[in-house]
Amino acid sequence: MPDLAFRPKSLPAPDAVAAAHRVAALAARRADAQDCDDGFPAEDVADLARAGLLAAPVPAGEGGAGLGTEPGAADLAAVLRLVGSGSLALGRLYEGHVNALQLVARYGGPGDRRALFAEARAGHLFGVWNTEPAAGGLVLAGDGRLAGVKTFASGAGHVTRALVTARRPGEEAPLMLVVALEPGTRADLSAWRAQGMRASATGTVDLTGLAPMARLGGPDDYHRQPHFSGGAWRFAAVQLGGIEAVFEAWRGHLARTGRGDDPHQLARLGEGAIALEGARLFVARAAGLVADEALPAERVVAFVDLTRLAVERAGLEVLGLAQRSVGLQGFLRGHPLERLSRDLATYLRQPAPDRALTGAAAAILAAEGPMAALWEAR
């Protein structure tokens, strides 16, 4: 069980947004100290539990707040954005926790739902780990135990309930399994020497010998659309928070230094505001389309793919403008912009951006009717 000297609470979904404001403010103060190899925002995760945010994604009828599903995705989008604005590493971890609980809600049987939601309410940190090497990937053997590793696992050594994909020998379709882990075990963080997101505790986890505590859904349900690709809106919301943090550090620098009267600086700030607000609109629309489930899966996926690329583009634009405005000071340790820029630049690197772009374009080309109507429910 997590080492929590308090009783985690539940809270209504609207209160989750206020709680995220508080957690983000505390996380922002600690983020520089956590920016080190093998770093992890342990105090911030404890704050998530104290504030009721670890339990919040659990359905309201099962002891949570239904964050993200009841009544929709607007509150979850705000929470992810706020947590990401305080710390992108914490936002990445919380997004994985939310993803895991949404998969439990969607595919778990009644007994597994009760047990796993109780674990979330008790303060366990969940994660979703699906990446593995070409050789040595995770296999569920005939004796019911796992063999193999997961790579690029965020929260390695700290996530205590991991949702993993694994295959039976000779089968291609993966299963979704949940495993229980002891803190500080089975994780190797030595390869994660990244420029940014150093506090995300990303590494390789060896799950050999473990017996899963739950199995969710059937073979390949993990990849079922639109939720597999459509879920990318969540990390885009976290990225949006990181873009906001960069923008505010940049704006604050101009105000402190008295350089905001320069028309070139004002022009750059205005361009950054356009990019930021465009990303915000994309995320809000994508979250709503996924939650409403009113459109064909391929159209939802296409819009979310466009969203993740629009947010990436906005992030890169704001980064470039901010660094140009602030100049060399923004690259010096201790300046508010320095770590924020590294974390955002790293987290913007998500898998298969070219495939996302061409896939969305193919869906648009194949659709009937004007593009303006593609994402309107009929």
Protein backbone atom coordinates (compact mmCIF):
# COMPACT_ATOMS: atom_id res chain seq x y z
CA MET A 1 0.00 0.00 0.00
CA PRO A 2 1.16 3.59 -0.53
CA ASP A 3 2.82 5.25 2.43
CA LEU A 4 0.13 7.86 3.01
CA ALA A 5 -0.37 9.40 6.44
CA PHE A 6 -3.89 10.47 5.61
CA ARG A 7 -7.12 9.09 4.28
CA PRO A 8 -7.46 9.90 0.56
CA LYS A 9 -10.78 11.53 -0.22
CA SER A 10 -13.19 11.74 -3.11
CA LEU A 11 -14.63 14.96 -4.44
CA PRO A 12 -17.18 16.22 -6.98
CA ALA A 13 -15.77 16.70 -10.48
CA PRO A 14 -16.03 20.53 -10.47
CA ASP A 15 -14.02 20.58 -7.23
CA ALA A 16 -11.31 18.61 -9.03
CA VAL A 17 -10.47 21.72 -11.05
CA ALA A 18 -9.98 23.80 -7.90
CA ALA A 19 -7.90 20.98 -6.41
CA ALA A 20 -5.75 20.88 -9.55
CA HIS A 21 -5.08 24.61 -9.19
CA ARG A 22 -3.71 24.02 -5.69
CA VAL A 23 -1.65 20.96 -6.64
CA ALA A 24 -0.20 22.74 -9.68
CA ALA A 25 0.91 25.73 -7.62
CA LEU A 26 2.76 23.48 -5.17
CA ALA A 27 4.25 21.36 -7.96
CA ALA A 28 5.60 24.43 -9.75
CA ARG A 29 7.54 25.43 -6.63
CA ARG A 30 9.14 21.99 -6.32
CA ALA A 31 9.79 21.24 -9.99
CA ASP A 32 13.32 22.66 -10.19
CA ALA A 33 14.47 20.59 -7.20
CA GLN A 34 13.06 17.43 -8.83
CA ASP A 35 14.84 18.14 -12.13
CA CYS A 36 17.58 15.53 -11.82
CA ASP A 37 18.42 12.09 -13.13
CA ASP A 38 16.17 9.49 -11.45
CA GLY A 39 13.99 12.31 -10.10
CA PHE A 40 10.36 11.76 -9.19
CA PRO A 41 7.67 14.15 -7.87
CA ALA A 42 6.77 12.06 -4.82
CA GLU A 43 5.40 14.97 -2.79
CA ASP A 44 3.28 16.07 -5.72
CA VAL A 45 1.79 12.60 -6.18
CA ALA A 46 0.97 12.58 -2.47
CA ASP A 47 -0.74 15.94 -3.00
CA LEU A 48 -2.82 14.42 -5.82
CA ALA A 49 -4.01 11.75 -3.41
CA ARG A 50 -4.66 14.23 -0.59
CA ALA A 51 -6.67 16.43 -2.94
CA GLY A 52 -8.81 13.48 -4.10
CA LEU A 53 -7.43 13.58 -7.64
CA LEU A 54 -6.16 9.98 -7.70
CA ALA A 55 -9.70 8.81 -6.88
CA ALA A 56 -11.45 11.40 -9.05
CA PRO A 57 -11.45 9.39 -12.34
CA VAL A 58 -13.30 6.51 -10.62
CA PRO A 59 -17.00 6.53 -11.62
CA ALA A 60 -19.24 8.39 -9.20
CA GLY A 61 -21.28 5.28 -8.51
CA GLU A 62 -18.14 3.46 -7.40
CA GLY A 63 -16.73 5.97 -4.98
CA GLY A 64 -15.08 8.51 -7.26
CA ALA A 65 -16.03 11.74 -8.98
CA GLY A 66 -16.49 10.44 -12.52
CA LEU A 67 -13.85 12.90 -13.69
CA GLY A 68 -13.79 12.85 -17.48
CA THR A 69 -17.05 10.99 -17.99
CA GLU A 70 -19.67 12.59 -15.78
CA PRO A 71 -20.92 14.86 -17.32
CA GLY A 72 -18.14 15.08 -19.92
CA ALA A 73 -14.50 15.78 -20.57
CA ALA A 74 -14.34 19.51 -19.88
CA ASP A 75 -13.34 19.14 -16.22
CA LEU A 76 -10.74 16.49 -17.04
CA ALA A 77 -9.25 18.68 -19.77
CA ALA A 78 -8.92 21.53 -17.27
CA VAL A 79 -7.39 19.27 -14.60
CA LEU A 80 -4.81 17.80 -16.99
CA ARG A 81 -3.91 21.25 -18.30
CA LEU A 82 -3.50 22.67 -14.82
CA VAL A 83 -1.40 19.79 -13.52
CA GLY A 84 0.77 20.03 -16.63
CA SER A 85 1.24 23.75 -16.11
CA GLY A 86 2.64 23.06 -12.64
CA SER A 87 4.88 20.18 -13.70
CA LEU A 88 4.93 18.35 -17.00
CA ALA A 89 6.48 15.32 -15.31
CA LEU A 90 3.60 15.20 -12.84
CA GLY A 91 1.13 15.78 -15.67
CA ARG A 92 2.57 12.85 -17.60
CA LEU A 93 2.18 10.59 -14.57
CA TYR A 94 -1.34 11.76 -13.82
CA GLU A 95 -2.41 11.32 -17.44
CA GLY A 96 -1.23 7.70 -17.30
CA HIS A 97 -3.16 7.18 -14.04
CA VAL A 98 -6.33 8.57 -15.64
CA ASN A 99 -5.83 6.45 -18.75
CA ALA A 100 -5.50 3.28 -16.67
CA LEU A 101 -8.66 3.96 -14.68
CA GLN A 102 -10.63 4.77 -17.83
CA LEU A 103 -9.54 1.43 -19.31
CA VAL A 104 -10.62 -0.33 -16.12
CA ALA A 105 -14.00 1.39 -16.32
CA ARG A 106 -14.41 0.47 -20.00
CA TYR A 107 -13.20 -3.13 -20.00
CA GLY A 108 -13.10 -4.40 -16.43
CA GLY A 109 -15.58 -6.94 -15.08
CA PRO A 110 -17.59 -6.05 -11.96
CA GLY A 111 -15.21 -7.75 -9.52
CA ASP A 112 -12.08 -6.27 -11.04
CA ARG A 113 -13.67 -2.82 -11.19
CA ARG A 114 -14.53 -2.93 -7.50
CA ALA A 115 -11.07 -4.11 -6.49
CA LEU A 116 -9.08 -1.74 -8.71
CA PHE A 117 -11.20 1.31 -8.01
CA ALA A 118 -10.75 0.63 -4.30
CA GLU A 119 -6.97 0.64 -4.91
CA ALA A 120 -7.22 4.04 -6.60
CA ARG A 121 -9.30 5.42 -3.74
CA ALA A 122 -6.67 4.08 -1.31
CA GLY A 123 -3.98 6.18 -3.00
CA HIS A 124 -2.28 3.78 -5.41
CA LEU A 125 -0.68 5.38 -8.46
CA PHE A 126 -1.70 3.60 -11.68
CA GLY A 127 0.11 3.72 -15.02
CA VAL A 128 -0.20 2.31 -18.54
CA TRP A 129 2.90 0.64 -19.99
CA ASN A 130 2.71 -0.69 -23.55
CA THR A 131 6.16 -0.06 -25.06
CA GLU A 132 8.64 -2.91 -25.21
CA PRO A 133 11.77 -3.95 -27.12
CA ALA A 134 11.59 -6.01 -30.30
CA ALA A 135 13.05 -8.93 -28.35
CA GLY A 136 12.16 -9.56 -24.73
CA GLY A 137 8.66 -8.11 -24.84
CA LEU A 138 6.09 -9.12 -22.28
CA VAL A 139 4.59 -12.62 -22.56
CA LEU A 140 1.91 -14.29 -20.46
CA ALA A 141 3.12 -17.86 -20.10
CA GLY A 142 0.97 -20.95 -19.69
CA ASP A 143 1.52 -21.00 -15.94
CA GLY A 144 -0.20 -17.61 -15.65
CA ARG A 145 2.98 -15.68 -14.94
CA LEU A 146 4.64 -12.94 -16.95
CA ALA A 147 8.04 -12.97 -18.61
CA GLY A 148 9.73 -9.94 -20.14
CA VAL A 149 10.03 -6.18 -19.78
CA LYS A 150 8.36 -2.90 -20.58
CA THR A 151 10.42 0.09 -21.70
CA PHE A 152 9.86 3.86 -21.55
CA ALA A 153 7.63 3.19 -18.55
CA SER A 154 6.92 6.49 -16.78
CA GLY A 155 6.74 6.19 -13.02
CA ALA A 156 8.97 3.11 -13.03
CA GLY A 157 9.70 2.13 -9.46
CA HIS A 158 6.84 4.33 -8.20
CA VAL A 159 3.69 3.17 -10.00
CA THR A 160 2.19 0.47 -7.78
CA ARG A 161 -0.60 -0.69 -10.09
CA ALA A 162 0.47 -0.97 -13.73
CA LEU A 163 -1.80 -1.76 -16.66
CA VAL A 164 0.38 -3.59 -19.18
CA THR A 165 -0.11 -5.24 -22.55
CA ALA A 166 1.18 -8.80 -22.96
CA ARG A 167 0.83 -11.59 -25.49
CA ARG A 168 0.41 -15.30 -25.09
CA PRO A 169 3.09 -17.38 -26.85
CA GLY A 170 2.28 -17.64 -30.56
CA GLU A 171 -0.49 -15.00 -30.44
CA GLU A 172 -0.36 -11.50 -31.90
CA ALA A 173 -3.30 -9.79 -30.18
CA PRO A 174 -2.24 -8.37 -26.82
CA LEU A 175 -4.13 -8.74 -23.56
CA MET A 176 -4.61 -5.99 -20.97
CA LEU A 177 -3.37 -7.05 -17.57
CA VAL A 178 -2.97 -5.23 -14.27
CA VAL A 179 -0.02 -6.07 -12.05
CA ALA A 180 0.77 -5.05 -8.48
CA LEU A 181 4.25 -3.67 -7.84
CA GLU A 182 6.21 -2.78 -4.74
CA PRO A 183 7.76 0.71 -4.77
CA GLY A 184 11.45 0.75 -5.60
CA THR A 185 11.48 -2.68 -7.24
CA ARG A 186 12.02 -4.06 -10.76
CA ALA A 187 12.86 -0.66 -12.31
CA ASP A 188 16.02 0.40 -14.17
CA LEU A 189 16.19 4.14 -14.84
CA SER A 190 19.81 4.19 -16.01
CA ALA A 191 18.96 4.74 -19.69
CA TRP A 192 16.71 7.76 -19.04
CA ARG A 193 19.22 10.56 -19.35
CA ALA A 194 16.95 12.88 -21.27
CA GLN A 195 17.27 16.62 -21.83
CA GLY A 196 13.91 17.21 -20.16
CA MET A 197 11.20 15.36 -18.22
CA ARG A 198 13.92 14.07 -15.92
CA ALA A 199 11.52 13.81 -12.98
CA SER A 200 9.16 11.41 -14.79
CA ALA A 201 11.13 8.33 -13.59
CA THR A 202 10.95 6.77 -17.04
CA GLY A 203 12.73 3.46 -17.44
CA THR A 204 12.63 -0.28 -18.03
CA VAL A 205 10.61 -2.54 -15.76
CA ASP A 206 11.21 -6.31 -15.57
CA LEU A 207 7.91 -8.03 -14.79
CA THR A 208 9.20 -11.59 -15.03
CA GLY A 209 7.59 -13.95 -12.54
CA LEU A 210 4.62 -11.75 -11.64
CA ALA A 211 1.07 -13.08 -11.79
CA PRO A 212 -1.46 -10.46 -12.95
CA MET A 213 -4.05 -9.37 -10.43
CA ALA A 214 -6.65 -8.64 -13.15
CA ARG A 215 -7.33 -9.09 -16.85
CA LEU A 216 -9.38 -6.48 -18.70
CA GLY A 217 -11.48 -7.15 -21.78
CA GLY A 218 -10.49 -9.47 -24.58
CA PRO A 219 -7.57 -9.80 -27.00
CA ASP A 220 -6.66 -6.48 -28.67
CA ASP A 221 -9.32 -4.47 -26.84
CA TYR A 222 -6.47 -2.16 -25.88
CA HIS A 223 -6.24 -1.00 -29.51
CA ARG A 224 -10.00 -0.58 -29.98
CA GLN A 225 -10.86 2.71 -31.66
CA PRO A 226 -11.63 5.53 -31.19
CA HIS A 227 -10.37 5.33 -27.61
CA PHE A 228 -6.86 4.05 -28.38
CA SER A 229 -5.80 6.86 -30.73
CA GLY A 230 -8.51 9.24 -29.52
CA GLY A 231 -7.07 9.17 -26.03
CA ALA A 232 -4.14 11.24 -27.29
CA TRP A 233 -6.18 14.34 -26.48
CA ARG A 234 -5.25 13.76 -22.83
CA PHE A 235 -1.50 14.14 -23.33
CA ALA A 236 -2.21 17.10 -25.62
CA ALA A 237 -4.05 18.71 -22.68
CA VAL A 238 -1.01 18.16 -20.45
CA GLN A 239 1.23 19.63 -23.15
CA LEU A 240 -1.10 22.63 -23.35
CA GLY A 241 -0.41 23.23 -19.67
CA GLY A 242 3.31 23.14 -20.39
CA ILE A 243 2.89 25.67 -23.20
CA GLU A 244 0.99 27.95 -20.83
CA ALA A 245 3.81 27.71 -18.28
CA VAL A 246 6.39 28.68 -20.91
CA PHE A 247 4.21 31.55 -22.09
CA GLU A 248 3.77 32.88 -18.54
CA ALA A 249 7.51 32.63 -17.81
CA TRP A 250 8.18 34.56 -21.01
CA ARG A 251 5.52 37.18 -20.27
CA GLY A 252 6.83 37.56 -16.74
CA HIS A 253 10.36 38.09 -18.01
CA LEU A 254 9.25 40.91 -20.32
CA ALA A 255 7.33 42.57 -17.48
CA ARG A 256 10.21 42.27 -14.98
CA THR A 257 12.84 43.56 -17.34
CA GLY A 258 10.75 46.41 -18.75
CA ARG A 259 11.22 45.15 -22.30
CA GLY A 260 7.52 44.87 -23.08
CA ASP A 261 7.35 48.31 -24.72
CA ASP A 262 9.47 47.16 -27.64
CA PRO A 263 7.11 46.63 -30.64
CA HIS A 264 9.07 43.57 -31.76
CA GLN A 265 8.65 41.98 -28.33
CA LEU A 266 4.95 42.80 -28.36
CA ALA A 267 4.55 41.30 -31.82
CA ARG A 268 6.23 38.07 -30.69
CA LEU A 269 4.04 37.90 -27.59
CA GLY A 270 0.93 38.41 -29.69
CA GLU A 271 1.95 35.61 -32.08
CA GLY A 272 2.53 33.35 -29.10
CA ALA A 273 -0.91 34.16 -27.70
CA ILE A 274 -2.50 33.20 -31.03
CA ALA A 275 -0.70 29.85 -31.03
CA LEU A 276 -1.58 29.16 -27.41
CA GLU A 277 -5.27 29.94 -27.80
CA GLY A 278 -5.50 27.90 -30.99
CA ALA A 279 -4.10 24.89 -29.13
CA ARG A 280 -6.60 25.46 -26.31
CA LEU A 281 -9.53 25.39 -28.74
CA PHE A 282 -8.29 22.21 -30.41
CA VAL A 283 -7.94 20.40 -27.08
CA ALA A 284 -11.40 21.43 -25.88
CA ARG A 285 -13.03 20.29 -29.13
CA ALA A 286 -11.15 16.98 -29.18
CA ALA A 287 -12.05 16.21 -25.56
CA GLY A 288 -15.71 16.84 -26.32
CA LEU A 289 -15.75 14.70 -29.47
CA VAL A 290 -14.22 11.73 -27.65
CA ALA A 291 -16.58 12.06 -24.70
CA ASP A 292 -19.73 12.48 -26.81
CA GLU A 293 -19.13 9.30 -28.88
CA ALA A 294 -21.52 10.70 -31.51
CA LEU A 295 -19.27 10.43 -34.59
CA PRO A 296 -17.76 7.47 -36.44
CA ALA A 297 -14.52 6.29 -34.88
CA GLU A 298 -12.40 7.25 -37.87
CA ARG A 299 -13.56 10.87 -37.71
CA VAL A 300 -12.91 11.15 -33.99
CA VAL A 301 -9.42 9.72 -34.45
CA ALA A 302 -8.74 12.08 -37.35
CA PHE A 303 -9.65 15.14 -35.29
CA VAL A 304 -7.60 14.01 -32.30
CA ASP A 305 -4.63 13.37 -34.59
CA LEU A 306 -4.96 16.91 -35.91
CA THR A 307 -5.22 18.15 -32.33
CA ARG A 308 -2.01 16.52 -31.16
CA LEU A 309 -0.17 18.01 -34.15
CA ALA A 310 -1.73 21.45 -33.67
CA VAL A 311 -0.64 21.42 -30.03
CA GLU A 312 2.86 20.27 -31.00
CA ARG A 313 3.09 23.07 -33.55
CA ALA A 314 1.85 25.62 -31.03
CA GLY A 315 4.34 24.39 -28.46
CA LEU A 316 7.27 24.64 -30.83
CA GLU A 317 6.16 28.10 -31.97
CA VAL A 318 5.79 29.43 -28.43
CA LEU A 319 9.15 27.92 -27.46
CA GLY A 320 10.89 29.56 -30.39
CA LEU A 321 9.29 32.94 -29.82
CA ALA A 322 9.96 32.87 -26.08
CA GLN A 323 13.60 31.92 -26.50
CA ARG A 324 14.08 34.62 -29.13
CA SER A 325 12.49 37.23 -26.86
CA VAL A 326 14.33 36.31 -23.68
CA GLY A 327 17.63 35.53 -25.34
CA LEU A 328 20.58 33.88 -23.60
CA GLN A 329 19.14 34.38 -20.12
CA GLY A 330 16.44 31.84 -20.91
CA PHE A 331 19.08 29.15 -21.38
CA LEU A 332 20.77 29.74 -18.03
CA ARG A 333 19.96 27.49 -15.09
CA GLY A 334 17.81 29.26 -12.55
CA HIS A 335 15.88 31.26 -15.12
CA PRO A 336 12.17 30.33 -15.05
CA LEU A 337 12.21 29.55 -18.77
CA GLU A 338 15.16 27.15 -18.80
CA ARG A 339 13.72 23.95 -17.30
CA LEU A 340 10.23 24.64 -18.62
CA SER A 341 11.64 24.77 -22.15
CA ARG A 342 13.55 21.50 -21.77
CA ASP A 343 10.57 19.68 -20.32
CA LEU A 344 8.18 20.93 -23.00
CA ALA A 345 10.54 20.24 -25.89
CA THR A 346 11.00 16.68 -24.64
CA TYR A 347 7.33 15.97 -23.93
CA LEU A 348 6.25 17.29 -27.33
CA ARG A 349 8.10 14.34 -28.89
CA GLN A 350 5.26 11.83 -29.15
CA PRO A 351 5.27 8.73 -31.37
CA ALA A 352 4.38 8.59 -35.07
CA PRO A 353 3.50 12.25 -35.81
CA ASP A 354 3.80 11.72 -39.58
CA ARG A 355 1.39 8.78 -39.47
CA ALA A 356 -1.05 10.84 -37.41
CA LEU A 357 -0.96 13.64 -39.98
CA THR A 358 -1.33 11.47 -43.08
CA GLY A 359 -3.98 9.31 -41.42
CA ALA A 360 -6.07 12.35 -40.58
CA ALA A 361 -5.63 13.71 -44.09
CA ALA A 362 -6.71 10.37 -45.61
CA ALA A 363 -9.85 10.34 -43.48
CA ILE A 364 -10.66 13.90 -44.57
CA LEU A 365 -10.11 13.03 -48.24
CA ALA A 366 -12.32 9.93 -48.06
CA ALA A 367 -15.20 11.62 -46.24
CA GLU A 368 -18.29 12.84 -48.04
CA GLY A 369 -19.54 16.38 -47.65
CA PRO A 370 -17.71 19.59 -46.81
CA MET A 371 -14.92 19.57 -44.26
CA ALA A 372 -16.88 22.01 -42.10
CA ALA A 373 -19.41 19.23 -41.44
CA LEU A 374 -16.99 16.36 -40.79
CA TRP A 375 -16.99 16.81 -37.02
CA GLU A 376 -20.63 17.79 -36.55
CA ALA A 377 -23.01 15.15 -35.18
CA ARG A 378 -26.01 14.54 -37.41
